Protein backbone atom coordinates (compact mmCIF):
# COMPACT_ATOMS: atom_id res chain seq x y z
CA MET A 1 126.63 73.66 139.41
CA GLY A 2 125.01 76.18 141.72
CA LEU A 3 126.55 77.70 144.81
CA LEU A 4 125.37 75.97 147.99
CA LEU A 5 124.85 78.35 150.90
CA LYS A 6 124.33 76.86 154.34
CA TYR A 7 121.96 78.79 156.58
CA ARG A 8 122.61 79.04 160.29
CA SER A 9 120.21 81.13 162.37
CA SER A 10 123.14 82.28 164.53
CA GLN A 11 124.86 83.85 161.52
CA GLN A 12 122.74 86.85 160.57
CA ASP A 13 125.04 87.83 157.70
CA GLN A 14 123.88 84.69 155.86
CA TRP A 15 120.72 86.52 154.90
CA HIS A 16 122.65 89.39 153.33
CA ILE A 17 124.97 87.03 151.44
CA PHE A 18 122.10 84.91 150.18
CA HIS A 19 119.99 87.83 149.08
CA GLN A 20 122.97 89.37 147.28
CA HIS A 21 123.57 86.14 145.36
CA MET A 22 119.84 85.77 144.73
CA PHE A 23 119.62 89.18 143.07
CA GLU A 24 122.62 88.34 140.87
CA VAL A 25 121.00 85.03 139.91
CA PHE A 26 117.76 86.83 139.05
CA LYS A 27 119.60 89.19 136.73
CA GLU A 28 121.32 86.24 135.04
CA GLY A 29 118.00 84.45 134.52
CA LYS A 30 119.10 81.38 136.48
CA LEU A 31 117.21 79.37 139.11
CA ILE A 32 117.35 79.42 142.90
CA GLY A 33 116.91 76.40 145.16
CA LEU A 34 114.84 77.05 148.29
CA PRO A 35 113.05 75.16 151.07
CA PHE A 36 109.36 75.61 150.23
CA GLY A 37 108.27 74.15 153.59
CA LYS A 38 108.16 70.71 155.18
CA ALA A 39 106.93 69.31 151.88
CA GLY A 40 110.35 69.74 150.26
CA TYR A 41 112.87 71.85 148.42
CA GLY A 42 112.22 73.32 145.00
CA PHE A 43 113.42 75.79 142.41
CA VAL A 44 112.20 79.30 141.73
CA GLY A 45 112.99 82.00 139.23
CA ASP A 46 112.08 85.50 138.13
CA PRO A 47 108.71 85.20 136.33
CA THR A 48 109.44 88.26 134.19
CA ASN A 49 112.51 86.62 132.62
CA PRO A 50 111.56 84.45 129.59
CA GLN A 51 114.70 82.38 130.06
CA VAL A 52 113.39 81.06 133.39
CA MET A 53 110.45 79.18 131.86
CA GLU A 54 112.78 77.71 129.24
CA LEU A 55 115.06 76.41 132.00
CA PHE A 56 112.14 74.88 133.90
CA LEU A 57 110.87 73.06 130.83
CA LYS A 58 114.38 71.82 130.08
CA MET A 59 114.62 70.40 133.61
CA PHE A 60 111.08 69.09 134.09
CA GLY A 61 109.59 68.55 130.62
CA ASP A 62 107.78 70.56 127.94
CA ASP A 63 104.40 69.11 128.94
CA LEU A 64 104.56 70.67 132.42
CA VAL A 65 103.91 74.31 131.51
CA LYS A 66 100.47 74.09 133.13
CA ASP A 67 101.96 72.68 136.36
CA VAL A 68 104.20 75.62 137.22
CA LEU A 69 103.70 76.95 140.73
CA PHE A 70 103.08 80.61 141.42
CA LEU A 71 104.64 81.15 144.84
CA VAL A 72 103.41 84.28 146.59
CA ASP A 73 103.89 85.90 149.96
CA SER A 74 100.27 86.04 151.08
CA GLU A 75 96.61 85.41 150.35
CA ALA A 76 96.27 89.03 149.24
CA THR A 77 98.83 88.54 146.47
CA ALA A 78 97.25 85.20 145.52
CA LYS A 79 93.98 86.99 144.79
CA GLU A 80 95.73 88.98 142.08
CA TRP A 81 96.34 85.74 140.19
CA GLY A 82 93.53 83.33 141.03
CA THR A 83 89.77 83.73 141.31
CA PHE A 84 88.67 83.35 144.93
CA PHE A 85 85.26 82.14 146.10
CA PRO A 86 84.03 82.30 149.71
CA ILE A 87 85.15 78.71 150.26
CA THR A 88 88.59 79.60 148.87
CA GLU A 89 88.87 82.28 151.53
CA GLN A 90 88.00 79.76 154.24
CA VAL A 91 90.56 77.20 153.06
CA ALA A 92 93.29 79.81 152.59
CA ASN A 93 92.64 81.33 156.01
CA ARG A 94 92.91 77.89 157.60
CA PHE A 95 95.96 76.47 155.85
CA TRP A 96 98.07 79.33 154.41
CA PRO A 97 100.94 79.87 154.76
CA GLY A 98 101.62 76.16 154.67
CA ASP A 99 102.08 73.05 152.53
CA LEU A 100 98.91 73.51 150.48
CA VAL A 101 98.80 74.17 146.73
CA ILE A 102 95.44 75.50 145.52
CA HIS A 103 94.43 75.23 141.87
CA LEU A 104 92.21 78.18 140.94
CA PRO A 105 90.63 79.67 137.84
CA PHE A 106 93.20 82.05 136.45
CA ASN A 107 92.35 85.69 137.18
CA HIS A 108 93.25 87.14 133.80
CA LEU A 109 93.70 90.91 134.05
CA PRO A 110 94.54 92.45 130.65
CA ASP A 111 95.35 95.79 132.28
CA ASN A 112 97.71 94.30 134.86
CA SER A 113 101.21 95.47 133.94
CA LEU A 114 102.98 92.57 135.67
CA GLN A 115 100.82 89.97 133.92
CA ASN A 116 101.48 91.68 130.60
CA GLN A 117 105.21 91.74 131.29
CA ILE A 118 105.23 88.01 132.08
CA PHE A 119 102.95 86.81 129.28
CA ASP A 120 104.39 89.00 126.55
CA LYS A 121 107.54 86.91 126.98
CA ASN A 122 105.80 83.61 127.85
CA PRO A 123 102.64 83.38 125.68
CA GLU A 124 102.53 79.59 126.05
CA LEU A 125 102.23 80.04 129.82
CA GLU A 126 99.27 82.39 129.45
CA THR A 127 97.56 79.90 127.14
CA ALA A 128 98.14 77.04 129.59
CA LEU A 129 96.72 79.01 132.53
CA LEU A 130 93.64 80.04 130.59
CA GLN A 131 93.01 76.47 129.42
CA HIS A 132 93.63 74.80 132.77
CA SER A 133 94.09 76.64 136.07
CA ILE A 134 96.75 78.42 138.08
CA ARG A 135 98.56 76.68 140.93
CA VAL A 136 99.08 79.09 143.80
CA PHE A 137 101.17 78.39 146.87
CA VAL A 138 102.00 80.48 149.96
CA PRO A 139 105.09 78.75 151.42
CA LYS A 140 105.62 78.93 155.16
CA HIS A 141 109.38 78.50 155.39
CA PRO A 142 111.04 81.68 156.79
CA VAL A 143 113.86 81.56 154.24
CA THR A 144 111.42 81.65 151.35
CA GLN A 145 109.35 84.31 153.07
CA SER A 146 112.55 86.35 153.48
CA VAL A 147 112.94 86.27 149.69
CA PHE A 148 109.51 87.84 149.31
CA ALA A 149 110.45 90.50 151.86
CA TYR A 150 113.61 91.24 149.91
CA LEU A 151 111.66 91.54 146.67
CA ARG A 152 109.21 93.99 148.25
CA LYS A 153 112.11 95.99 149.69
CA ASN A 154 113.51 96.32 146.17
CA SER A 155 110.15 97.37 144.70
CA ARG A 156 109.49 94.03 143.05
CA ALA A 157 106.34 91.96 143.25
CA PRO A 158 106.42 89.20 145.93
CA LEU A 159 105.96 86.55 143.27
CA LEU A 160 108.11 83.64 142.10
CA MET A 161 107.57 80.89 139.54
CA GLY A 162 108.75 77.46 140.54
CA TYR A 163 108.54 73.69 140.79
CA PHE A 164 109.12 71.25 143.59
CA GLY A 165 112.27 69.14 143.18
CA GLU A 166 110.17 66.01 142.67
CA LEU A 167 112.22 62.80 142.87
CA GLU A 168 109.26 60.50 142.21
CA THR A 169 105.52 60.98 142.13
CA GLY A 170 104.47 62.73 145.31
CA PHE A 171 107.91 62.87 146.94
CA ASN A 172 110.21 65.88 146.81
CA ALA A 173 113.86 66.45 147.70
CA GLN A 174 114.15 66.81 151.48
CA ASP A 175 117.65 68.25 151.61
CA ALA A 176 119.74 70.65 149.53
CA ILE A 177 122.42 68.09 148.66
CA THR A 178 119.84 65.78 147.07
CA LEU A 179 118.33 68.72 145.21
CA MET A 180 121.75 69.69 143.87
CA ASN A 181 122.75 66.14 142.93
CA GLU A 182 119.48 65.40 141.15
CA PHE A 183 118.86 68.72 139.42
CA GLY A 184 121.89 70.99 139.85
CA GLY A 185 123.51 72.19 136.68
CA GLU A 186 124.35 75.35 134.82
CA GLU A 187 120.69 76.40 135.13
CA VAL A 188 121.02 76.71 138.93
CA GLY A 189 122.69 79.78 140.40
CA VAL A 190 122.36 79.24 144.15
CA ILE A 191 120.73 76.80 146.59
CA MET A 192 119.94 77.73 150.19
CA ASP A 193 120.72 74.78 152.48
CA VAL A 194 118.73 74.78 155.74
CA GLY A 195 119.23 71.08 156.46
CA ARG A 196 116.82 68.20 156.09
CA LEU A 197 113.19 69.31 156.24
CA GLN A 198 111.57 66.10 157.51
CA LYS A 199 113.46 63.84 159.89
CA SER A 200 111.38 60.67 159.54
CA LYS A 201 111.85 58.11 156.77
CA ARG A 202 108.19 58.38 155.81
CA VAL A 203 107.94 61.84 154.30
CA TYR A 204 104.92 63.67 152.95
CA THR A 205 104.39 65.98 150.02
CA ALA A 206 102.31 69.12 149.63
CA THR A 207 98.56 68.70 149.64
CA GLN A 208 96.93 69.86 146.40
CA VAL A 209 93.29 70.84 145.97
CA GLY A 210 91.20 72.43 143.25
CA ILE A 211 88.61 75.11 143.97
CA PHE A 212 86.71 76.06 140.83
CA ASP A 213 83.36 77.13 142.32
CA ASP A 214 81.79 77.58 145.73
CA ASP A 215 80.28 74.08 145.96
CA GLY A 216 83.27 72.38 147.55
CA ILE A 217 86.91 71.57 146.97
CA GLN A 218 88.40 68.78 144.90
CA ILE A 219 91.15 66.93 146.72
CA GLU A 220 93.89 65.81 144.33
CA ILE A 221 96.82 64.82 146.56
CA THR A 222 97.16 64.92 150.31
CA GLY A 223 100.25 65.26 152.42
CA LYS A 224 100.36 66.42 156.02
CA ILE A 225 97.04 68.16 155.41
CA SER A 226 94.81 65.12 155.09
CA ALA A 227 91.39 64.50 153.55
CA GLN A 228 90.03 64.45 157.09
CA ASP A 229 91.48 67.92 157.72
CA LEU A 230 89.71 69.12 154.58
CA ALA A 231 86.46 67.19 155.08
CA GLU A 232 84.37 70.21 156.08
CA PHE A 233 85.17 71.86 152.76
CA THR A 234 84.45 68.86 150.50
CA LYS A 235 81.48 67.04 149.08
CA ASP A 236 81.47 63.25 149.39
CA ASP A 237 81.48 62.77 145.62
CA ASN A 238 84.63 64.78 144.95
CA ILE A 239 87.07 63.06 147.29
CA ASP A 240 89.65 61.17 145.28
CA PRO A 241 89.96 57.62 146.67
CA LEU A 242 93.73 57.86 146.13
CA ALA A 243 94.01 61.20 147.87
CA ASP A 244 95.22 59.73 151.15
CA PHE A 245 97.82 57.43 149.59
CA ASP A 246 100.55 58.56 151.99
CA ASP A 247 98.56 58.93 155.22
């Protein structure tokens, strides 16, 4: 069972304690529980450690390799992993950082040392990304952004692999206790508890869209960012009739 750390903005030393534990967890190849944003808590790990992907698949299923999230600090970092079109730039500028996952053609760079380091140890992940797409996410929550800042400070790429703590289709854990009770085990090293993310009973998930050319986006799931919010970027024939299931 992972260590649960409660964050209080009035206690500045919490950041130091959390980051210290995080670095230890990274070295051990275990997972970290974080608030990704209003859409829910999730787990992240060091993408260069082959044990991390094994832990994710143990927790979430072998068929979900292609669904792993690449969490990054900014649009600039996202461009190192996914192919951007002009419309991708417009959508990212409007909604990132925020609760929007964008599926993009994988930007495969054979000479990229970080990609080589990751895929040499996770060849099945490289195959999945080339066959499908890469899911890129720039989380808004300050705790998660502080992790990226800590990684940069320690000369590491501001990149994490992760999954939402999905309790049922489209709904993620809204508090750290639920995340720990549902998923916590020996795979989890530490969970950062910032309280419940959404106060209402009717919660929303992250919106997910696909952008595979410059003709328009494909809406897959909507959360707080609705189909109406995205209407200017879509074509009428690629709006999923189920996309606004939780509006």
